[in-house]
Amino acid sequence: MGESRQSYLVAAESAVSLLGDPAVSASWDKPSALTEFSVAGLAGHLAHQFVRVGDVLTRNGEVPEPISLLEHYSRSPWVQAGLDHESNLGIRRGGEAAAAAGPAILVERAQAMLDLQSSVLPGEPEDRVVSLPSGWSLLLDDFLLTRCVELVVHADDLATSVGLATPALPATVVDPVVELLAKLAVHRHGPTAVIRTLSRAERAPATISAF
């Protein structure tokens, strides 16, 4: 099985473990560390990443030629949209809907999807292309890297929200996520801003956020 698929499964397993921590259910109805998200909504958004993977694996029909990850993020409306943009409102509503049945059901569903994907992903062709609801396509391994980004970033958000340490993940998961975020930051802000932030605090810009 390819590294991207194994990394996704490791990150997903860690996310399910975090979702099942009693600290999450104890803070379910409280605000999260992420603006405009409750803990429940953030947990739902984290778990929804499994749904996204399941959806692309089962989607049928004509699949366009895949685009690059940089192009994918450039086309995605939520990347540079404000909190009140419809795309981001939809993300928050989706998180709340996913969590509506409560923490125990959310964890049960996430675990079931992870179990299924653990059996399916190793058999997918190396060059598998998946079609996204947005209308374009990615290589499956590239799409799984985007889900790793979501799982890593939002696991940190959720852990911080409920007073837990951020889950430790191996370099095989973290390194590709950091590399992609760095590329996106350079694409958005330019290399000079990123270099200054990493090496010259006195000349660093206010932010080099990738999103």
N, C-alpha and C. Protein backbone atom coordinates (compact mmCIF):
# COMPACT_ATOMS: atom_id res chain seq x y z
N MET A 1 0.85 -1.19 0.00
CA MET A 1 0.00 0.00 0.00
C MET A 1 0.88 1.24 0.00
N GLY A 2 0.51 2.25 -0.79
CA GLY A 2 1.29 3.47 -0.91
C GLY A 2 1.38 4.25 0.38
N GLU A 3 2.40 5.09 0.46
CA GLU A 3 2.64 5.85 1.69
C GLU A 3 1.47 6.79 2.01
N SER A 4 0.88 7.43 1.01
CA SER A 4 -0.23 8.35 1.27
C SER A 4 -1.41 7.62 1.89
N ARG A 5 -1.66 6.41 1.44
CA ARG A 5 -2.80 5.66 1.96
C ARG A 5 -2.54 5.21 3.39
N GLN A 6 -1.33 4.73 3.64
CA GLN A 6 -0.98 4.32 4.99
C GLN A 6 -0.99 5.52 5.94
N SER A 7 -0.48 6.65 5.47
CA SER A 7 -0.47 7.86 6.31
C SER A 7 -1.88 8.31 6.64
N TYR A 8 -2.76 8.26 5.66
CA TYR A 8 -4.15 8.62 5.92
C TYR A 8 -4.76 7.72 6.98
N LEU A 9 -4.55 6.42 6.87
CA LEU A 9 -5.14 5.48 7.82
C LEU A 9 -4.58 5.69 9.23
N VAL A 10 -3.30 6.00 9.34
CA VAL A 10 -2.72 6.28 10.65
C VAL A 10 -3.34 7.54 11.24
N ALA A 11 -3.44 8.61 10.44
CA ALA A 11 -4.03 9.85 10.92
C ALA A 11 -5.50 9.65 11.28
N ALA A 12 -6.20 8.85 10.50
CA ALA A 12 -7.62 8.59 10.75
C ALA A 12 -7.81 7.81 12.04
N GLU A 13 -6.98 6.82 12.27
CA GLU A 13 -7.07 6.05 13.51
C GLU A 13 -6.83 6.94 14.73
N SER A 14 -5.85 7.84 14.62
CA SER A 14 -5.58 8.78 15.70
C SER A 14 -6.77 9.70 15.93
N ALA A 15 -7.42 10.13 14.85
CA ALA A 15 -8.57 11.02 14.97
C ALA A 15 -9.74 10.32 15.67
N VAL A 16 -9.99 9.06 15.33
CA VAL A 16 -11.06 8.32 15.99
C VAL A 16 -10.78 8.19 17.48
N SER A 17 -9.53 7.92 17.83
CA SER A 17 -9.16 7.82 19.24
C SER A 17 -9.42 9.14 19.96
N LEU A 18 -9.07 10.26 19.32
CA LEU A 18 -9.31 11.57 19.92
C LEU A 18 -10.81 11.83 20.07
N LEU A 19 -11.59 11.52 19.05
CA LEU A 19 -13.03 11.73 19.12
C LEU A 19 -13.67 10.95 20.26
N GLY A 20 -13.09 9.81 20.59
CA GLY A 20 -13.64 8.98 21.65
C GLY A 20 -13.16 9.34 23.05
N ASP A 21 -12.28 10.32 23.16
CA ASP A 21 -11.78 10.70 24.47
C ASP A 21 -12.91 11.33 25.29
N PRO A 22 -13.03 10.96 26.57
CA PRO A 22 -14.09 11.53 27.40
C PRO A 22 -14.07 13.06 27.48
N ALA A 23 -12.90 13.65 27.31
CA ALA A 23 -12.82 15.12 27.36
C ALA A 23 -13.61 15.76 26.23
N VAL A 24 -13.75 15.07 25.10
CA VAL A 24 -14.51 15.62 23.98
C VAL A 24 -16.00 15.62 24.31
N SER A 25 -16.52 14.50 24.76
CA SER A 25 -17.94 14.45 25.09
C SER A 25 -18.29 15.37 26.27
N ALA A 26 -17.35 15.55 27.19
CA ALA A 26 -17.59 16.41 28.34
C ALA A 26 -17.73 17.88 27.94
N SER A 27 -17.12 18.26 26.82
CA SER A 27 -17.16 19.65 26.36
C SER A 27 -18.02 19.82 25.12
N TRP A 28 -18.86 18.85 24.83
CA TRP A 28 -19.58 18.75 23.56
C TRP A 28 -20.29 20.04 23.16
N ASP A 29 -20.96 20.69 24.09
CA ASP A 29 -21.78 21.86 23.75
C ASP A 29 -21.05 23.18 23.98
N LYS A 30 -19.77 23.14 24.28
CA LYS A 30 -19.01 24.36 24.54
C LYS A 30 -18.39 24.91 23.26
N PRO A 31 -18.01 26.19 23.26
CA PRO A 31 -17.29 26.73 22.09
C PRO A 31 -15.93 26.04 21.93
N SER A 32 -15.50 25.92 20.71
CA SER A 32 -14.18 25.33 20.45
C SER A 32 -13.14 26.43 20.30
N ALA A 33 -11.90 26.04 20.09
CA ALA A 33 -10.82 26.99 19.86
C ALA A 33 -10.88 27.57 18.45
N LEU A 34 -11.73 27.03 17.61
CA LEU A 34 -11.86 27.47 16.23
C LEU A 34 -13.07 28.39 16.12
N THR A 35 -12.86 29.58 15.62
CA THR A 35 -13.91 30.60 15.58
C THR A 35 -15.18 30.08 14.92
N GLU A 36 -16.29 30.29 15.60
CA GLU A 36 -17.64 29.97 15.13
C GLU A 36 -17.99 28.49 15.20
N PHE A 37 -17.07 27.61 15.63
CA PHE A 37 -17.35 26.19 15.79
C PHE A 37 -17.59 25.87 17.25
N SER A 38 -18.61 25.06 17.55
CA SER A 38 -18.71 24.43 18.85
C SER A 38 -17.78 23.21 18.86
N VAL A 39 -17.54 22.65 20.04
CA VAL A 39 -16.75 21.41 20.09
C VAL A 39 -17.45 20.32 19.29
N ALA A 40 -18.77 20.22 19.42
CA ALA A 40 -19.53 19.22 18.67
C ALA A 40 -19.35 19.42 17.16
N GLY A 41 -19.49 20.67 16.71
CA GLY A 41 -19.35 20.94 15.29
C GLY A 41 -17.96 20.64 14.77
N LEU A 42 -16.95 20.97 15.58
CA LEU A 42 -15.57 20.68 15.18
C LEU A 42 -15.32 19.18 15.13
N ALA A 43 -15.85 18.45 16.13
CA ALA A 43 -15.73 17.00 16.12
C ALA A 43 -16.43 16.41 14.89
N GLY A 44 -17.60 16.95 14.57
CA GLY A 44 -18.32 16.48 13.39
C GLY A 44 -17.54 16.74 12.11
N HIS A 45 -16.91 17.90 12.03
CA HIS A 45 -16.11 18.23 10.85
C HIS A 45 -14.90 17.30 10.74
N LEU A 46 -14.27 16.99 11.86
CA LEU A 46 -13.14 16.07 11.85
C LEU A 46 -13.59 14.69 11.35
N ALA A 47 -14.69 14.20 11.89
CA ALA A 47 -15.19 12.89 11.48
C ALA A 47 -15.68 12.87 10.04
N HIS A 48 -16.12 14.02 9.54
CA HIS A 48 -16.65 14.09 8.18
C HIS A 48 -15.58 13.79 7.13
N GLN A 49 -14.33 13.86 7.50
CA GLN A 49 -13.27 13.55 6.55
C GLN A 49 -13.35 12.10 6.08
N PHE A 50 -13.83 11.22 6.95
CA PHE A 50 -14.02 9.82 6.55
C PHE A 50 -15.13 9.70 5.52
N VAL A 51 -16.17 10.52 5.70
CA VAL A 51 -17.27 10.53 4.74
C VAL A 51 -16.77 10.99 3.38
N ARG A 52 -15.93 12.03 3.39
CA ARG A 52 -15.40 12.55 2.12
C ARG A 52 -14.63 11.47 1.36
N VAL A 53 -13.81 10.71 2.09
CA VAL A 53 -13.04 9.64 1.45
C VAL A 53 -13.98 8.56 0.92
N GLY A 54 -14.95 8.17 1.73
CA GLY A 54 -15.90 7.16 1.28
C GLY A 54 -16.66 7.60 0.05
N ASP A 55 -17.03 8.86 -0.01
CA ASP A 55 -17.79 9.37 -1.15
C ASP A 55 -16.99 9.28 -2.46
N VAL A 56 -15.72 9.69 -2.42
CA VAL A 56 -14.95 9.68 -3.67
C VAL A 56 -14.64 8.26 -4.11
N LEU A 57 -14.53 7.34 -3.16
CA LEU A 57 -14.23 5.95 -3.52
C LEU A 57 -15.42 5.27 -4.20
N THR A 58 -16.63 5.73 -3.89
CA THR A 58 -17.82 5.08 -4.44
C THR A 58 -18.45 5.86 -5.59
N ARG A 59 -17.95 7.07 -5.86
CA ARG A 59 -18.55 7.87 -6.92
C ARG A 59 -18.25 7.24 -8.28
N ASN A 60 -19.27 7.14 -9.11
CA ASN A 60 -19.12 6.56 -10.44
C ASN A 60 -19.30 7.64 -11.50
N GLY A 61 -19.10 7.25 -12.74
CA GLY A 61 -19.27 8.18 -13.85
C GLY A 61 -17.93 8.60 -14.44
N GLU A 62 -18.02 9.47 -15.42
CA GLU A 62 -16.81 9.93 -16.13
C GLU A 62 -15.93 10.76 -15.20
N VAL A 63 -14.64 10.49 -15.24
CA VAL A 63 -13.69 11.17 -14.37
C VAL A 63 -12.75 12.02 -15.24
N PRO A 64 -12.73 13.35 -15.06
CA PRO A 64 -11.82 14.20 -15.83
C PRO A 64 -10.36 13.92 -15.48
N GLU A 65 -9.47 14.48 -16.27
CA GLU A 65 -8.05 14.38 -15.96
C GLU A 65 -7.77 15.06 -14.61
N PRO A 66 -6.92 14.47 -13.79
CA PRO A 66 -6.66 15.06 -12.47
C PRO A 66 -5.86 16.36 -12.58
N ILE A 67 -6.10 17.25 -11.64
CA ILE A 67 -5.33 18.48 -11.56
C ILE A 67 -4.34 18.37 -10.40
N SER A 68 -3.46 19.34 -10.28
CA SER A 68 -2.46 19.33 -9.20
C SER A 68 -3.09 19.80 -7.90
N LEU A 69 -2.40 19.55 -6.79
CA LEU A 69 -2.90 20.00 -5.50
C LEU A 69 -2.92 21.52 -5.40
N LEU A 70 -1.93 22.19 -5.95
CA LEU A 70 -1.93 23.65 -5.92
C LEU A 70 -3.14 24.20 -6.67
N GLU A 71 -3.45 23.62 -7.80
CA GLU A 71 -4.61 24.05 -8.56
C GLU A 71 -5.90 23.74 -7.78
N HIS A 72 -5.93 22.60 -7.15
CA HIS A 72 -7.10 22.23 -6.34
C HIS A 72 -7.38 23.28 -5.27
N TYR A 73 -6.36 23.68 -4.53
CA TYR A 73 -6.58 24.67 -3.47
C TYR A 73 -6.84 26.06 -4.04
N SER A 74 -6.27 26.36 -5.20
CA SER A 74 -6.53 27.65 -5.82
C SER A 74 -7.99 27.77 -6.25
N ARG A 75 -8.58 26.65 -6.66
CA ARG A 75 -9.96 26.67 -7.12
C ARG A 75 -10.98 26.61 -5.97
N SER A 76 -10.57 26.13 -4.81
CA SER A 76 -11.51 25.89 -3.72
C SER A 76 -11.93 27.22 -3.08
N PRO A 77 -13.22 27.53 -3.07
CA PRO A 77 -13.67 28.86 -2.63
C PRO A 77 -13.43 29.13 -1.15
N TRP A 78 -13.39 28.10 -0.30
CA TRP A 78 -13.27 28.33 1.13
C TRP A 78 -11.88 28.77 1.55
N VAL A 79 -10.86 28.54 0.70
CA VAL A 79 -9.47 28.73 1.12
C VAL A 79 -9.21 30.17 1.56
N GLN A 80 -9.66 31.14 0.77
CA GLN A 80 -9.41 32.54 1.12
C GLN A 80 -10.69 33.30 1.44
N ALA A 81 -11.78 32.55 1.65
CA ALA A 81 -13.06 33.20 1.93
C ALA A 81 -13.16 33.56 3.41
N GLY A 82 -13.99 34.54 3.71
CA GLY A 82 -14.22 34.94 5.09
C GLY A 82 -15.11 33.94 5.82
N LEU A 83 -15.23 34.12 7.13
CA LEU A 83 -16.01 33.20 7.95
C LEU A 83 -17.48 33.16 7.53
N ASP A 84 -17.98 34.27 6.99
CA ASP A 84 -19.39 34.35 6.63
C ASP A 84 -19.67 33.97 5.19
N HIS A 85 -18.63 33.58 4.45
CA HIS A 85 -18.83 33.14 3.07
C HIS A 85 -19.65 31.85 3.08
N GLU A 86 -20.47 31.66 2.09
CA GLU A 86 -21.37 30.51 2.05
C GLU A 86 -20.60 29.19 2.15
N SER A 87 -19.42 29.11 1.55
CA SER A 87 -18.66 27.87 1.60
C SER A 87 -18.27 27.51 3.03
N ASN A 88 -17.86 28.52 3.81
CA ASN A 88 -17.47 28.26 5.19
C ASN A 88 -18.69 28.08 6.10
N LEU A 89 -19.78 28.77 5.81
CA LEU A 89 -21.01 28.51 6.53
C LEU A 89 -21.46 27.07 6.32
N GLY A 90 -21.32 26.60 5.09
CA GLY A 90 -21.70 25.22 4.79
C GLY A 90 -20.83 24.21 5.53
N ILE A 91 -19.54 24.51 5.66
CA ILE A 91 -18.64 23.62 6.40
C ILE A 91 -19.07 23.52 7.85
N ARG A 92 -19.40 24.67 8.46
CA ARG A 92 -19.82 24.65 9.86
C ARG A 92 -21.16 23.93 10.03
N ARG A 93 -22.08 24.18 9.12
CA ARG A 93 -23.38 23.49 9.20
C ARG A 93 -23.19 21.98 9.05
N GLY A 94 -22.30 21.59 8.17
CA GLY A 94 -22.04 20.17 7.96
C GLY A 94 -21.45 19.51 9.19
N GLY A 95 -20.56 20.22 9.88
CA GLY A 95 -19.98 19.69 11.11
C GLY A 95 -21.03 19.49 12.18
N GLU A 96 -21.91 20.47 12.34
CA GLU A 96 -22.97 20.37 13.34
C GLU A 96 -23.93 19.23 13.00
N ALA A 97 -24.25 19.08 11.72
CA ALA A 97 -25.16 18.01 11.31
C ALA A 97 -24.54 16.64 11.57
N ALA A 98 -23.25 16.50 11.28
CA ALA A 98 -22.58 15.22 11.50
C ALA A 98 -22.56 14.84 12.96
N ALA A 99 -22.55 15.84 13.84
CA ALA A 99 -22.45 15.59 15.28
C ALA A 99 -23.81 15.53 15.97
N ALA A 100 -24.88 15.71 15.21
CA ALA A 100 -26.21 15.88 15.82
C ALA A 100 -26.65 14.68 16.66
N ALA A 101 -26.20 13.48 16.31
CA ALA A 101 -26.62 12.28 17.04
C ALA A 101 -25.85 12.07 18.33
N GLY A 102 -24.85 12.91 18.58
CA GLY A 102 -24.10 12.81 19.82
C GLY A 102 -22.74 12.16 19.65
N PRO A 103 -21.87 12.28 20.65
CA PRO A 103 -20.49 11.82 20.51
C PRO A 103 -20.34 10.32 20.32
N ALA A 104 -21.14 9.52 21.01
CA ALA A 104 -20.98 8.06 20.91
C ALA A 104 -21.30 7.58 19.49
N ILE A 105 -22.39 8.07 18.92
CA ILE A 105 -22.77 7.67 17.55
C ILE A 105 -21.74 8.18 16.55
N LEU A 106 -21.24 9.38 16.76
CA LEU A 106 -20.24 9.93 15.85
C LEU A 106 -19.00 9.04 15.82
N VAL A 107 -18.53 8.62 16.97
CA VAL A 107 -17.35 7.76 17.03
C VAL A 107 -17.64 6.40 16.40
N GLU A 108 -18.81 5.86 16.67
CA GLU A 108 -19.18 4.56 16.10
C GLU A 108 -19.18 4.61 14.58
N ARG A 109 -19.76 5.67 14.03
CA ARG A 109 -19.81 5.80 12.57
C ARG A 109 -18.42 6.00 11.98
N ALA A 110 -17.62 6.83 12.64
CA ALA A 110 -16.27 7.08 12.15
C ALA A 110 -15.45 5.79 12.15
N GLN A 111 -15.56 5.01 13.21
CA GLN A 111 -14.82 3.76 13.29
C GLN A 111 -15.25 2.78 12.20
N ALA A 112 -16.55 2.72 11.94
CA ALA A 112 -17.06 1.82 10.91
C ALA A 112 -16.52 2.22 9.53
N MET A 113 -16.51 3.51 9.25
CA MET A 113 -15.98 3.97 7.97
C MET A 113 -14.48 3.70 7.86
N LEU A 114 -13.76 3.91 8.95
CA LEU A 114 -12.32 3.64 8.94
C LEU A 114 -12.05 2.16 8.71
N ASP A 115 -12.82 1.30 9.35
CA ASP A 115 -12.64 -0.14 9.16
C ASP A 115 -12.84 -0.52 7.69
N LEU A 116 -13.87 0.04 7.08
CA LEU A 116 -14.14 -0.25 5.67
C LEU A 116 -13.02 0.26 4.78
N GLN A 117 -12.59 1.49 5.01
CA GLN A 117 -11.53 2.07 4.18
C GLN A 117 -10.20 1.35 4.36
N SER A 118 -9.95 0.82 5.55
CA SER A 118 -8.72 0.07 5.78
C SER A 118 -8.67 -1.18 4.92
N SER A 119 -9.83 -1.73 4.61
CA SER A 119 -9.88 -2.93 3.77
C SER A 119 -9.90 -2.60 2.28
N VAL A 120 -10.44 -1.41 1.94
CA VAL A 120 -10.61 -1.05 0.53
C VAL A 120 -9.37 -0.38 -0.07
N LEU A 121 -8.76 0.54 0.66
CA LEU A 121 -7.68 1.36 0.10
C LEU A 121 -6.48 0.55 -0.42
N PRO A 122 -6.06 -0.52 0.26
CA PRO A 122 -4.90 -1.26 -0.27
C PRO A 122 -5.12 -1.84 -1.66
N GLY A 123 -6.37 -2.09 -2.03
CA GLY A 123 -6.64 -2.69 -3.33
C GLY A 123 -6.89 -1.70 -4.45
N GLU A 124 -6.88 -0.40 -4.14
CA GLU A 124 -7.10 0.61 -5.17
C GLU A 124 -5.87 0.73 -6.07
N PRO A 125 -6.07 0.89 -7.38
CA PRO A 125 -4.92 1.03 -8.29
C PRO A 125 -4.04 2.22 -7.92
N GLU A 126 -2.76 2.11 -8.19
CA GLU A 126 -1.84 3.19 -7.85
C GLU A 126 -2.18 4.48 -8.56
N ASP A 127 -2.74 4.38 -9.76
CA ASP A 127 -3.06 5.58 -10.55
C ASP A 127 -4.54 5.95 -10.46
N ARG A 128 -5.22 5.49 -9.42
CA ARG A 128 -6.65 5.76 -9.29
C ARG A 128 -6.90 7.26 -9.22
N VAL A 129 -7.83 7.72 -10.04
CA VAL A 129 -8.26 9.12 -10.05
C VAL A 129 -9.66 9.18 -9.47
N VAL A 130 -9.91 10.17 -8.62
CA VAL A 130 -11.23 10.31 -8.01
C VAL A 130 -11.83 11.66 -8.39
N SER A 131 -13.13 11.65 -8.61
CA SER A 131 -13.86 12.86 -8.99
C SER A 131 -14.42 13.50 -7.73
N LEU A 132 -14.25 14.81 -7.60
CA LEU A 132 -14.72 15.55 -6.43
C LEU A 132 -16.06 16.22 -6.73
N PRO A 133 -16.86 16.50 -5.71
CA PRO A 133 -18.14 17.18 -5.92
C PRO A 133 -17.97 18.55 -6.58
N SER A 134 -16.80 19.14 -6.42
CA SER A 134 -16.53 20.46 -6.98
C SER A 134 -16.46 20.45 -8.51
N GLY A 135 -16.35 19.25 -9.10
CA GLY A 135 -16.35 19.16 -10.55
C GLY A 135 -15.00 18.83 -11.17
N TRP A 136 -13.95 18.80 -10.37
CA TRP A 136 -12.64 18.40 -10.89
C TRP A 136 -12.17 17.13 -10.20
N SER A 137 -11.02 16.64 -10.63
CA SER A 137 -10.52 15.36 -10.14
C SER A 137 -9.10 15.47 -9.61
N LEU A 138 -8.76 14.55 -8.72
CA LEU A 138 -7.41 14.42 -8.18
C LEU A 138 -7.00 12.97 -8.21
N LEU A 139 -5.70 12.74 -8.23
CA LEU A 139 -5.23 11.39 -7.94
C LEU A 139 -5.69 11.02 -6.54
N LEU A 140 -6.05 9.78 -6.35
CA LEU A 140 -6.52 9.34 -5.03
C LEU A 140 -5.50 9.66 -3.94
N ASP A 141 -4.22 9.41 -4.22
CA ASP A 141 -3.20 9.66 -3.20
C ASP A 141 -3.10 11.15 -2.88
N ASP A 142 -3.30 12.02 -3.87
CA ASP A 142 -3.31 13.46 -3.59
C ASP A 142 -4.52 13.83 -2.75
N PHE A 143 -5.67 13.26 -3.06
CA PHE A 143 -6.85 13.56 -2.27
C PHE A 143 -6.67 13.10 -0.82
N LEU A 144 -6.06 11.95 -0.63
CA LEU A 144 -5.84 11.46 0.73
C LEU A 144 -4.88 12.38 1.49
N LEU A 145 -3.94 12.99 0.79
CA LEU A 145 -3.06 13.96 1.45
C LEU A 145 -3.87 15.17 1.91
N THR A 146 -4.84 15.61 1.12
CA THR A 146 -5.68 16.73 1.56
C THR A 146 -6.47 16.34 2.81
N ARG A 147 -6.87 15.08 2.91
CA ARG A 147 -7.59 14.64 4.11
C ARG A 147 -6.64 14.54 5.30
N CYS A 148 -5.39 14.17 5.05
CA CYS A 148 -4.41 14.17 6.14
C CYS A 148 -4.22 15.58 6.69
N VAL A 149 -4.18 16.56 5.81
CA VAL A 149 -4.07 17.95 6.27
C VAL A 149 -5.25 18.28 7.19
N GLU A 150 -6.45 17.94 6.75
CA GLU A 150 -7.63 18.22 7.56
C GLU A 150 -7.57 17.49 8.90
N LEU A 151 -7.18 16.24 8.89
CA LEU A 151 -7.14 15.45 10.12
C LEU A 151 -6.09 15.98 11.09
N VAL A 152 -4.92 16.32 10.57
CA VAL A 152 -3.85 16.82 11.44
C VAL A 152 -4.21 18.19 12.01
N VAL A 153 -4.66 19.09 11.17
CA VAL A 153 -4.97 20.45 11.60
C VAL A 153 -6.14 20.46 12.59
N HIS A 154 -7.20 19.74 12.26
CA HIS A 154 -8.39 19.80 13.11
C HIS A 154 -8.28 18.93 14.35
N ALA A 155 -7.42 17.92 14.33
CA ALA A 155 -7.14 17.19 15.57
C ALA A 155 -6.46 18.12 16.57
N ASP A 156 -5.57 18.96 16.09
CA ASP A 156 -4.94 19.96 16.97
C ASP A 156 -5.99 20.93 17.49
N ASP A 157 -6.88 21.40 16.61
CA ASP A 157 -7.96 22.31 17.04
C ASP A 157 -8.83 21.66 18.12
N LEU A 158 -9.21 20.41 17.90
CA LEU A 158 -10.12 19.75 18.83
C LEU A 158 -9.43 19.46 20.16
N ALA A 159 -8.21 18.97 20.11
CA ALA A 159 -7.48 18.69 21.35
C ALA A 159 -7.30 19.96 22.17
N THR A 160 -6.92 21.05 21.51
CA THR A 160 -6.76 22.33 22.20
C THR A 160 -8.09 22.78 22.81
N SER A 161 -9.17 22.55 22.12
CA SER A 161 -10.49 22.98 22.58
C SER A 161 -10.91 22.32 23.87
N VAL A 162 -10.44 21.08 24.10
CA VAL A 162 -10.92 20.32 25.26
C VAL A 162 -9.81 20.07 26.29
N GLY A 163 -8.67 20.78 26.14
CA GLY A 163 -7.62 20.70 27.12
C GLY A 163 -6.75 19.47 27.05
N LEU A 164 -6.67 18.85 25.87
CA LEU A 164 -5.82 17.69 25.68
C LEU A 164 -4.56 18.06 24.91
N ALA A 165 -3.52 17.25 25.05
CA ALA A 165 -2.33 17.43 24.24
C ALA A 165 -2.66 17.06 22.79
N THR A 166 -2.07 17.78 21.85
CA THR A 166 -2.26 17.44 20.44
C THR A 166 -1.74 16.04 20.17
N PRO A 167 -2.51 15.19 19.52
CA PRO A 167 -2.07 13.81 19.28
C PRO A 167 -0.73 13.76 18.55
N ALA A 168 0.14 12.90 19.04
CA ALA A 168 1.44 12.71 18.40
C ALA A 168 1.27 11.80 17.19
N LEU A 169 1.81 12.21 16.07
CA LEU A 169 1.73 11.44 14.83
C LEU A 169 3.13 11.22 14.28
N PRO A 170 3.36 10.12 13.58
CA PRO A 170 4.70 9.85 13.04
C PRO A 170 5.06 10.78 11.90
N ALA A 171 6.34 10.84 11.61
CA ALA A 171 6.84 11.70 10.54
C ALA A 171 6.22 11.35 9.19
N THR A 172 5.86 10.10 9.00
CA THR A 172 5.26 9.70 7.73
C THR A 172 3.92 10.40 7.49
N VAL A 173 3.27 10.83 8.56
CA VAL A 173 2.03 11.60 8.44
C VAL A 173 2.32 13.09 8.42
N VAL A 174 3.13 13.54 9.37
CA VAL A 174 3.33 14.98 9.58
C VAL A 174 4.16 15.61 8.46
N ASP A 175 5.21 14.96 8.03
CA ASP A 175 6.12 15.58 7.05
C ASP A 175 5.42 15.95 5.74
N PRO A 176 4.63 15.06 5.13
CA PRO A 176 3.94 15.46 3.89
C PRO A 176 2.94 16.59 4.12
N VAL A 177 2.32 16.63 5.30
CA VAL A 177 1.38 17.71 5.61
C VAL A 177 2.12 19.04 5.72
N VAL A 178 3.24 19.04 6.44
CA VAL A 178 4.03 20.27 6.57
C VAL A 178 4.54 20.73 5.20
N GLU A 179 5.00 19.78 4.39
CA GLU A 179 5.51 20.13 3.05
C GLU A 179 4.42 20.76 2.19
N LEU A 180 3.21 20.18 2.22
CA LEU A 180 2.13 20.74 1.43
C LEU A 180 1.72 22.12 1.94
N LEU A 181 1.62 22.28 3.27
CA LEU A 181 1.26 23.59 3.81
C LEU A 181 2.31 24.64 3.46
N ALA A 182 3.59 24.25 3.47
CA ALA A 182 4.65 25.18 3.09
C ALA A 182 4.51 25.59 1.62
N LYS A 183 4.23 24.64 0.75
CA LYS A 183 4.05 24.95 -0.67
C LYS A 183 2.86 25.88 -0.88
N LEU A 184 1.78 25.63 -0.14
CA LEU A 184 0.60 26.48 -0.27
C LEU A 184 0.87 27.88 0.26
N ALA A 185 1.65 27.97 1.35
CA ALA A 185 2.01 29.29 1.89
C ALA A 185 2.86 30.07 0.90
N VAL A 186 3.81 29.40 0.26
CA VAL A 186 4.64 30.07 -0.76
C VAL A 186 3.78 30.49 -1.94
N HIS A 187 2.86 29.62 -2.34
CA HIS A 187 1.99 29.94 -3.47
C HIS A 187 1.12 31.16 -3.16
N ARG A 188 0.67 31.28 -1.92
CA ARG A 188 -0.24 32.36 -1.55
C ARG A 188 0.50 33.65 -1.22
N HIS A 189 1.64 33.56 -0.53
CA HIS A 189 2.32 34.76 -0.01
C HIS A 189 3.65 35.06 -0.68
N GLY A 190 4.18 34.11 -1.46
CA GLY A 190 5.48 34.31 -2.09
C GLY A 190 6.61 33.77 -1.22
N PRO A 191 7.73 33.39 -1.85
CA PRO A 191 8.82 32.77 -1.10
C PRO A 191 9.48 33.70 -0.08
N THR A 192 9.58 34.98 -0.38
CA THR A 192 10.26 35.89 0.56
C THR A 192 9.54 35.94 1.90
N ALA A 193 8.23 36.03 1.88
CA ALA A 193 7.47 36.09 3.13
C ALA A 193 7.68 34.83 3.96
N VAL A 194 7.71 33.69 3.30
CA VAL A 194 7.89 32.43 4.02
C VAL A 194 9.30 32.32 4.58
N ILE A 195 10.29 32.69 3.77
CA ILE A 195 11.68 32.63 4.23
C ILE A 195 11.90 33.56 5.41
N ARG A 196 11.34 34.77 5.34
CA ARG A 196 11.50 35.71 6.46
C ARG A 196 10.83 35.19 7.73
N THR A 197 9.68 34.59 7.59
CA THR A 197 8.98 34.07 8.76
C THR A 197 9.78 32.96 9.43
N LEU A 198 10.43 32.14 8.63
CA LEU A 198 11.19 31.02 9.17
C LEU A 198 12.58 31.40 9.66
N SER A 199 13.09 32.54 9.22
CA SER A 199 14.49 32.84 9.55
C SER A 199 14.74 34.24 10.12
N ARG A 200 13.80 35.18 9.94
CA ARG A 200 14.03 36.56 10.34
C ARG A 200 12.76 37.11 10.99
N ALA A 201 12.61 36.87 12.27
CA ALA A 201 11.39 37.28 12.97
C ALA A 201 11.17 38.79 12.89
N GLU A 202 12.26 39.56 12.86
CA GLU A 202 12.11 41.02 12.86
C GLU A 202 11.54 41.54 11.53
N ARG A 203 11.61 40.73 10.48
CA ARG A 203 11.06 41.16 9.19
C ARG A 203 9.91 40.25 8.73
N ALA A 204 9.42 39.43 9.62
CA ALA A 204 8.40 38.48 9.24
C ALA A 204 7.06 39.19 9.03
N PRO A 205 6.28 38.75 8.05
CA PRO A 205 4.94 39.32 7.87
C PRO A 205 4.01 38.87 8.99
N ALA A 206 2.85 39.46 9.06
CA ALA A 206 1.91 39.13 10.12
C ALA A 206 1.46 37.68 10.05
N THR A 207 1.36 37.14 8.85
CA THR A 207 0.94 35.75 8.70
C THR A 207 1.45 35.18 7.38
N ILE A 208 1.69 33.89 7.38
CA ILE A 208 1.94 33.15 6.14
C ILE A 208 1.00 31.95 6.09
N SER A 209 -0.19 32.11 6.67
CA SER A 209 -1.15 31.03 6.69
C SER A 209 -1.40 30.50 5.28
N ALA A 210 -1.42 29.18 5.16
CA ALA A 210 -1.66 28.57 3.87
C ALA A 210 -3.11 28.76 3.41
N PHE A 211 -4.01 28.95 4.38
CA PHE A 211 -5.45 29.09 4.05
C PHE A 211 -5.96 30.44 4.51
